[in-house]
């Protein structure tokens, strides 16, 4: 018997934040300070990956 995955679906705002943060980090922060630019770019990229995983494994009818 398979266990059911309990992965909570993340909000659309989470994905939008990750995309906007990623773009701002590359365009504005990385040219000025490469260490912070790389760190924030990596952080927002990981947020985007988490949002994509959440979309993949999200239940059709979430239980609230």
PDB file of N, CA and C in Angstrom:
ATOM      1  N   UNK A   1       0.837  -1.177   0.000  1.00  0.00           N
ATOM      2  CA  UNK A   1       0.000   0.000   0.000  1.00  0.00           C
ATOM      3  C   UNK A   1       0.886   1.246   0.000  1.00  0.00           C
ATOM      4  N   UNK A   2       0.593   2.160  -0.923  1.00  0.00           N
ATOM      5  CA  UNK A   2       1.396   3.374  -1.035  1.00  0.00           C
ATOM      6  C   UNK A   2       0.944   4.423  -0.040  1.00  0.00           C
ATOM      7  N   UNK A   3       1.927   5.169   0.475  1.00  0.00           N
ATOM      8  CA  UNK A   3       1.602   6.284   1.349  1.00  0.00           C
ATOM      9  C   UNK A   3       1.242   7.488   0.501  1.00  0.00           C
ATOM     10  N   UNK A   4       0.294   8.256   0.978  1.00  0.00           N
ATOM     11  CA  UNK A   4      -0.095   9.473   0.277  1.00  0.00           C
ATOM     12  C   UNK A   4       0.867  10.598   0.648  1.00  0.00           C
ATOM     13  N   UNK A   5       1.346  11.333  -0.362  1.00  0.00           N
ATOM     14  CA  UNK A   5       2.236  12.458  -0.102  1.00  0.00           C
ATOM     15  C   UNK A   5       1.435  13.630   0.432  1.00  0.00           C
ATOM     16  N   UNK A   6       1.931  14.229   1.487  1.00  0.00           N
ATOM     17  CA  UNK A   6       1.261  15.391   2.064  1.00  0.00           C
ATOM     18  C   UNK A   6       2.054  16.641   1.742  1.00  0.00           C
ATOM     19  N   UNK A   7       2.016  17.056   0.493  1.00  0.00           N
ATOM     20  CA  UNK A   7       2.710  18.257   0.067  1.00  0.00           C
ATOM     21  C   UNK A   7       1.669  19.347  -0.108  1.00  0.00           C
ATOM     22  N   UNK A   8       1.821  20.428   0.631  1.00  0.00           N
ATOM     23  CA  UNK A   8       0.846  21.512   0.578  1.00  0.00           C
ATOM     24  C   UNK A   8       1.058  22.347  -0.679  1.00  0.00           C
ATOM     25  N   UNK A   9      -0.008  22.675  -1.385  1.00  0.00           N
ATOM     26  CA  UNK A   9       0.139  23.551  -2.546  1.00  0.00           C
ATOM     27  C   UNK A   9       0.501  24.966  -2.110  1.00  0.00           C
ATOM     28  N   UNK A  10       1.491  25.546  -2.760  1.00  0.00           N
ATOM     29  CA  UNK A  10       1.904  26.910  -2.434  1.00  0.00           C
ATOM     30  C   UNK A  10       1.069  27.901  -3.245  1.00  0.00           C
ATOM     31  N   UNK A  11       0.974  29.101  -2.743  1.00  0.00           N
ATOM     32  CA  UNK A  11       0.130  30.104  -3.391  1.00  0.00           C
ATOM     33  C   UNK A  11       0.790  30.654  -4.657  1.00  0.00           C
ATOM     34  N   UNK A  12      -0.015  31.288  -5.478  1.00  0.00           N
ATOM     35  CA  UNK A  12       0.501  31.919  -6.693  1.00  0.00           C
ATOM     36  C   UNK A  12       1.405  33.097  -6.335  1.00  0.00           C
ATOM     37  N   UNK A  13       1.122  33.752  -5.228  1.00  0.00           N
ATOM     38  CA  UNK A  13       1.965  34.857  -4.775  1.00  0.00           C
ATOM     39  C   UNK A  13       3.380  34.411  -4.462  1.00  0.00           C
ATOM     40  N   UNK A  14       3.525  33.184  -3.967  1.00  0.00           N
ATOM     41  CA  UNK A  14       4.848  32.630  -3.686  1.00  0.00           C
ATOM     42  C   UNK A  14       5.652  32.511  -4.978  1.00  0.00           C
ATOM     43  N   UNK A  15       5.005  32.034  -6.041  1.00  0.00           N
ATOM     44  CA  UNK A  15       5.696  31.881  -7.319  1.00  0.00           C
ATOM     45  C   UNK A  15       6.033  33.242  -7.926  1.00  0.00           C
ATOM     46  N   UNK A  16       5.103  34.176  -7.849  1.00  0.00           N
ATOM     47  CA  UNK A  16       5.364  35.516  -8.383  1.00  0.00           C
ATOM     48  C   UNK A  16       6.519  36.177  -7.633  1.00  0.00           C
ATOM     49  N   UNK A  17       6.555  36.022  -6.315  1.00  0.00           N
ATOM     50  CA  UNK A  17       7.645  36.567  -5.519  1.00  0.00           C
ATOM     51  C   UNK A  17       8.979  35.970  -5.927  1.00  0.00           C
ATOM     52  N   UNK A  18       9.006  34.676  -6.179  1.00  0.00           N
ATOM     53  CA  UNK A  18      10.256  34.038  -6.568  1.00  0.00           C
ATOM     54  C   UNK A  18      10.738  34.532  -7.931  1.00  0.00           C
ATOM     55  N   UNK A  19       9.824  34.724  -8.877  1.00  0.00           N
ATOM     56  CA  UNK A  19      10.212  35.186 -10.215  1.00  0.00           C
ATOM     57  C   UNK A  19      10.691  36.635 -10.167  1.00  0.00           C
ATOM     58  N   UNK A  20       9.930  37.496  -9.495  1.00  0.00           N
ATOM     59  CA  UNK A  20      10.313  38.912  -9.410  1.00  0.00           C
ATOM     60  C   UNK A  20      11.627  39.063  -8.640  1.00  0.00           C
ATOM     61  N   UNK A  21      11.767  38.349  -7.542  1.00  0.00           N
ATOM     62  CA  UNK A  21      13.004  38.411  -6.767  1.00  0.00           C
ATOM     63  C   UNK A  21      14.203  37.919  -7.559  1.00  0.00           C
ATOM     64  N   UNK A  22      14.010  36.873  -8.350  1.00  0.00           N
ATOM     65  CA  UNK A  22      15.084  36.342  -9.187  1.00  0.00           C
ATOM     66  C   UNK A  22      15.542  37.381 -10.206  1.00  0.00           C
ATOM     67  N   UNK A  23      14.579  38.003 -10.879  1.00  0.00           N
ATOM     68  CA  UNK A  23      14.911  39.001 -11.910  1.00  0.00           C
ATOM     69  C   UNK A  23      15.592  40.221 -11.286  1.00  0.00           C
ATOM     70  N   UNK A  24      15.067  40.715 -10.178  1.00  0.00           N
ATOM     71  CA  UNK A  24      15.674  41.871  -9.522  1.00  0.00           C
ATOM     72  C   UNK A  24      17.078  41.536  -9.029  1.00  0.00           C
ATOM     73  N   UNK A  25      17.262  40.331  -8.508  1.00  0.00           N
ATOM     74  CA  UNK A  25      18.584  39.936  -8.031  1.00  0.00           C
ATOM     75  C   UNK A  25      19.611  39.913  -9.151  1.00  0.00           C
ATOM     76  N   UNK A  26      19.217  39.433 -10.313  1.00  0.00           N
ATOM     77  CA  UNK A  26      20.158  39.364 -11.436  1.00  0.00           C
ATOM     78  C   UNK A  26      20.436  40.743 -12.023  1.00  0.00           C
ATOM     79  N   UNK A  27      19.383  41.542 -12.198  1.00  0.00           N
ATOM     80  CA  UNK A  27      19.541  42.827 -12.881  1.00  0.00           C
ATOM     81  C   UNK A  27      20.138  43.904 -11.983  1.00  0.00           C
ATOM     82  N   UNK A  28      19.677  44.007 -10.736  1.00  0.00           N
ATOM     83  CA  UNK A  28      20.066  45.136  -9.901  1.00  0.00           C
ATOM     84  C   UNK A  28      21.126  44.820  -8.846  1.00  0.00           C
ATOM     85  N   UNK A  29      21.067  43.644  -8.253  1.00  0.00           N
ATOM     86  CA  UNK A  29      21.948  43.366  -7.118  1.00  0.00           C
ATOM     87  C   UNK A  29      23.263  42.727  -7.555  1.00  0.00           C
ATOM     88  N   UNK A  30      23.214  41.768  -8.467  1.00  0.00           N
ATOM     89  CA  UNK A  30      24.429  41.052  -8.867  1.00  0.00           C
ATOM     90  C   UNK A  30      25.513  41.968  -9.441  1.00  0.00           C
ATOM     91  N   UNK A  31      25.188  42.949 -10.300  1.00  0.00           N
ATOM     92  CA  UNK A  31      26.256  43.819 -10.815  1.00  0.00           C
ATOM     93  C   UNK A  31      26.937  44.664  -9.736  1.00  0.00           C
ATOM     94  N   UNK A  32      26.234  44.989  -8.673  1.00  0.00           N
ATOM     95  CA  UNK A  32      26.806  45.829  -7.615  1.00  0.00           C
ATOM     96  C   UNK A  32      27.594  45.028  -6.583  1.00  0.00           C
ATOM     97  N   UNK A  33      27.068  43.860  -6.229  1.00  0.00           N
ATOM     98  CA  UNK A  33      27.709  43.029  -5.210  1.00  0.00           C
ATOM     99  C   UNK A  33      27.483  41.573  -5.598  1.00  0.00           C
ATOM    100  N   UNK A  34      28.517  40.941  -6.115  1.00  0.00           N
ATOM    101  CA  UNK A  34      28.353  39.590  -6.662  1.00  0.00           C
ATOM    102  C   UNK A  34      28.016  38.549  -5.594  1.00  0.00           C
ATOM    103  N   UNK A  35      28.515  38.717  -4.383  1.00  0.00           N
ATOM    104  CA  UNK A  35      28.230  37.737  -3.328  1.00  0.00           C
ATOM    105  C   UNK A  35      26.747  37.747  -2.960  1.00  0.00           C
ATOM    106  N   UNK A  36      26.205  38.937  -2.664  1.00  0.00           N
ATOM    107  CA  UNK A  36      24.778  39.032  -2.334  1.00  0.00           C
ATOM    108  C   UNK A  36      23.914  38.701  -3.544  1.00  0.00           C
ATOM    109  N   UNK A  37      24.354  39.113  -4.726  1.00  0.00           N
ATOM    110  CA  UNK A  37      23.591  38.819  -5.931  1.00  0.00           C
ATOM    111  C   UNK A  37      23.460  37.329  -6.167  1.00  0.00           C
ATOM    112  N   UNK A  38      24.561  36.610  -6.019  1.00  0.00           N
ATOM    113  CA  UNK A  38      24.527  35.160  -6.197  1.00  0.00           C
ATOM    114  C   UNK A  38      23.655  34.498  -5.137  1.00  0.00           C
ATOM    115  N   UNK A  39      23.809  34.937  -3.887  1.00  0.00           N
ATOM    116  CA  UNK A  39      23.050  34.341  -2.792  1.00  0.00           C
ATOM    117  C   UNK A  39      21.545  34.538  -2.979  1.00  0.00           C
ATOM    118  N   UNK A  40      21.137  35.753  -3.291  1.00  0.00           N
ATOM    119  CA  UNK A  40      19.709  36.016  -3.471  1.00  0.00           C
ATOM    120  C   UNK A  40      19.164  35.351  -4.723  1.00  0.00           C
ATOM    121  N   UNK A  41      19.962  35.299  -5.788  1.00  0.00           N
ATOM    122  CA  UNK A  41      19.535  34.605  -6.997  1.00  0.00           C
ATOM    123  C   UNK A  41      19.306  33.127  -6.708  1.00  0.00           C
ATOM    124  N   UNK A  42      20.227  32.508  -5.989  1.00  0.00           N
ATOM    125  CA  UNK A  42      20.074  31.103  -5.621  1.00  0.00           C
ATOM    126  C   UNK A  42      18.843  30.898  -4.735  1.00  0.00           C
ATOM    127  N   UNK A  43      18.638  31.784  -3.778  1.00  0.00           N
ATOM    128  CA  UNK A  43      17.491  31.698  -2.874  1.00  0.00           C
ATOM    129  C   UNK A  43      16.176  31.757  -3.643  1.00  0.00           C
ATOM    130  N   UNK A  44      16.035  32.738  -4.536  1.00  0.00           N
ATOM    131  CA  UNK A  44      14.796  32.876  -5.285  1.00  0.00           C
ATOM    132  C   UNK A  44      14.625  31.753  -6.303  1.00  0.00           C
ATOM    133  N   UNK A  45      15.713  31.229  -6.832  1.00  0.00           N
ATOM    134  CA  UNK A  45      15.621  30.078  -7.727  1.00  0.00           C
ATOM    135  C   UNK A  45      15.097  28.858  -6.970  1.00  0.00           C
ATOM    136  N   UNK A  46      15.583  28.644  -5.761  1.00  0.00           N
ATOM    137  CA  UNK A  46      15.097  27.519  -4.951  1.00  0.00           C
ATOM    138  C   UNK A  46      13.628  27.701  -4.568  1.00  0.00           C
ATOM    139  N   UNK A  47      13.218  28.943  -4.338  1.00  0.00           N
ATOM    140  CA  UNK A  47      11.795  29.200  -4.100  1.00  0.00           C
ATOM    141  C   UNK A  47      10.970  28.814  -5.323  1.00  0.00           C
ATOM    142  N   UNK A  48      11.470  29.141  -6.514  1.00  0.00           N
ATOM    143  CA  UNK A  48      10.758  28.804  -7.746  1.00  0.00           C
ATOM    144  C   UNK A  48      10.666  27.292  -7.920  1.00  0.00           C
ATOM    145  N   UNK A  49      11.744  26.583  -7.637  1.00  0.00           N
ATOM    146  CA  UNK A  49      11.737  25.121  -7.736  1.00  0.00           C
ATOM    147  C   UNK A  49      10.725  24.530  -6.754  1.00  0.00           C
ATOM    148  N   UNK A  50      10.675  25.072  -5.542  1.00  0.00           N
ATOM    149  CA  UNK A  50       9.703  24.594  -4.556  1.00  0.00           C
ATOM    150  C   UNK A  50       8.272  24.821  -5.042  1.00  0.00           C
ATOM    151  N   UNK A  51       8.027  25.961  -5.684  1.00  0.00           N
ATOM    152  CA  UNK A  51       6.694  26.233  -6.214  1.00  0.00           C
ATOM    153  C   UNK A  51       6.342  25.252  -7.333  1.00  0.00           C
ATOM    154  N   UNK A  52       7.306  24.922  -8.180  1.00  0.00           N
ATOM    155  CA  UNK A  52       7.050  23.973  -9.263  1.00  0.00           C
ATOM    156  C   UNK A  52       6.789  22.571  -8.714  1.00  0.00           C
ATOM    157  N   UNK A  53       7.543  22.152  -7.713  1.00  0.00           N
ATOM    158  CA  UNK A  53       7.314  20.845  -7.088  1.00  0.00           C
ATOM    159  C   UNK A  53       5.937  20.818  -6.447  1.00  0.00           C
ATOM    160  N   UNK A  54       5.560  21.915  -5.822  1.00  0.00           N
ATOM    161  CA  UNK A  54       4.242  21.998  -5.205  1.00  0.00           C
ATOM    162  C   UNK A  54       3.133  21.866  -6.242  1.00  0.00           C
ATOM    163  N   UNK A  55       3.322  22.452  -7.408  1.00  0.00           N
ATOM    164  CA  UNK A  55       2.321  22.323  -8.470  1.00  0.00           C
ATOM    165  C   UNK A  55       2.236  20.894  -8.974  1.00  0.00           C
ATOM    166  N   UNK A  56       3.372  20.224  -9.039  1.00  0.00           N
ATOM    167  CA  UNK A  56       3.411  18.861  -9.559  1.00  0.00           C
ATOM    168  C   UNK A  56       2.692  17.887  -8.635  1.00  0.00           C
ATOM    169  N   UNK A  57       2.918  18.014  -7.342  1.00  0.00           N
ATOM    170  CA  UNK A  57       2.374  17.053  -6.384  1.00  0.00           C
ATOM    171  C   UNK A  57       1.129  17.543  -5.658  1.00  0.00           C
ATOM    172  N   UNK A  58       0.601  18.697  -6.046  1.00  0.00           N
ATOM    173  CA  UNK A  58      -0.569  19.227  -5.354  1.00  0.00           C
ATOM    174  C   UNK A  58      -1.796  18.358  -5.644  1.00  0.00           C
ATOM    175  N   UNK A  59      -2.612  18.131  -4.650  1.00  0.00           N
ATOM    176  CA  UNK A  59      -3.828  17.333  -4.875  1.00  0.00           C
ATOM    177  C   UNK A  59      -4.835  18.105  -5.740  1.00  0.00           C
ATOM    178  N   UNK A  60      -5.676  17.365  -6.430  1.00  0.00           N
ATOM    179  CA  UNK A  60      -6.701  18.001  -7.259  1.00  0.00           C
ATOM    180  C   UNK A  60      -7.711  18.744  -6.395  1.00  0.00           C
ATOM    181  N   UNK A  61      -8.086  18.145  -5.295  1.00  0.00           N
ATOM    182  CA  UNK A  61      -9.042  18.763  -4.362  1.00  0.00           C
ATOM    183  C   UNK A  61      -8.363  18.910  -3.004  1.00  0.00           C
ATOM    184  N   UNK A  62      -7.738  20.047  -2.745  1.00  0.00           N
ATOM    185  CA  UNK A  62      -7.057  20.188  -1.457  1.00  0.00           C
ATOM    186  C   UNK A  62      -8.047  20.154  -0.300  1.00  0.00           C
ATOM    187  N   UNK A  63      -7.635  19.560   0.801  1.00  0.00           N
ATOM    188  CA  UNK A  63      -8.485  19.449   1.989  1.00  0.00           C
ATOM    189  C   UNK A  63      -8.176  20.623   2.912  1.00  0.00           C
ATOM    190  N   UNK A  64      -9.178  21.455   3.146  1.00  0.00           N
ATOM    191  CA  UNK A  64      -8.988  22.606   4.032  1.00  0.00           C
ATOM    192  C   UNK A  64      -9.757  22.406   5.300  1.00  0.00           C
TER     193      UNK A  64
END
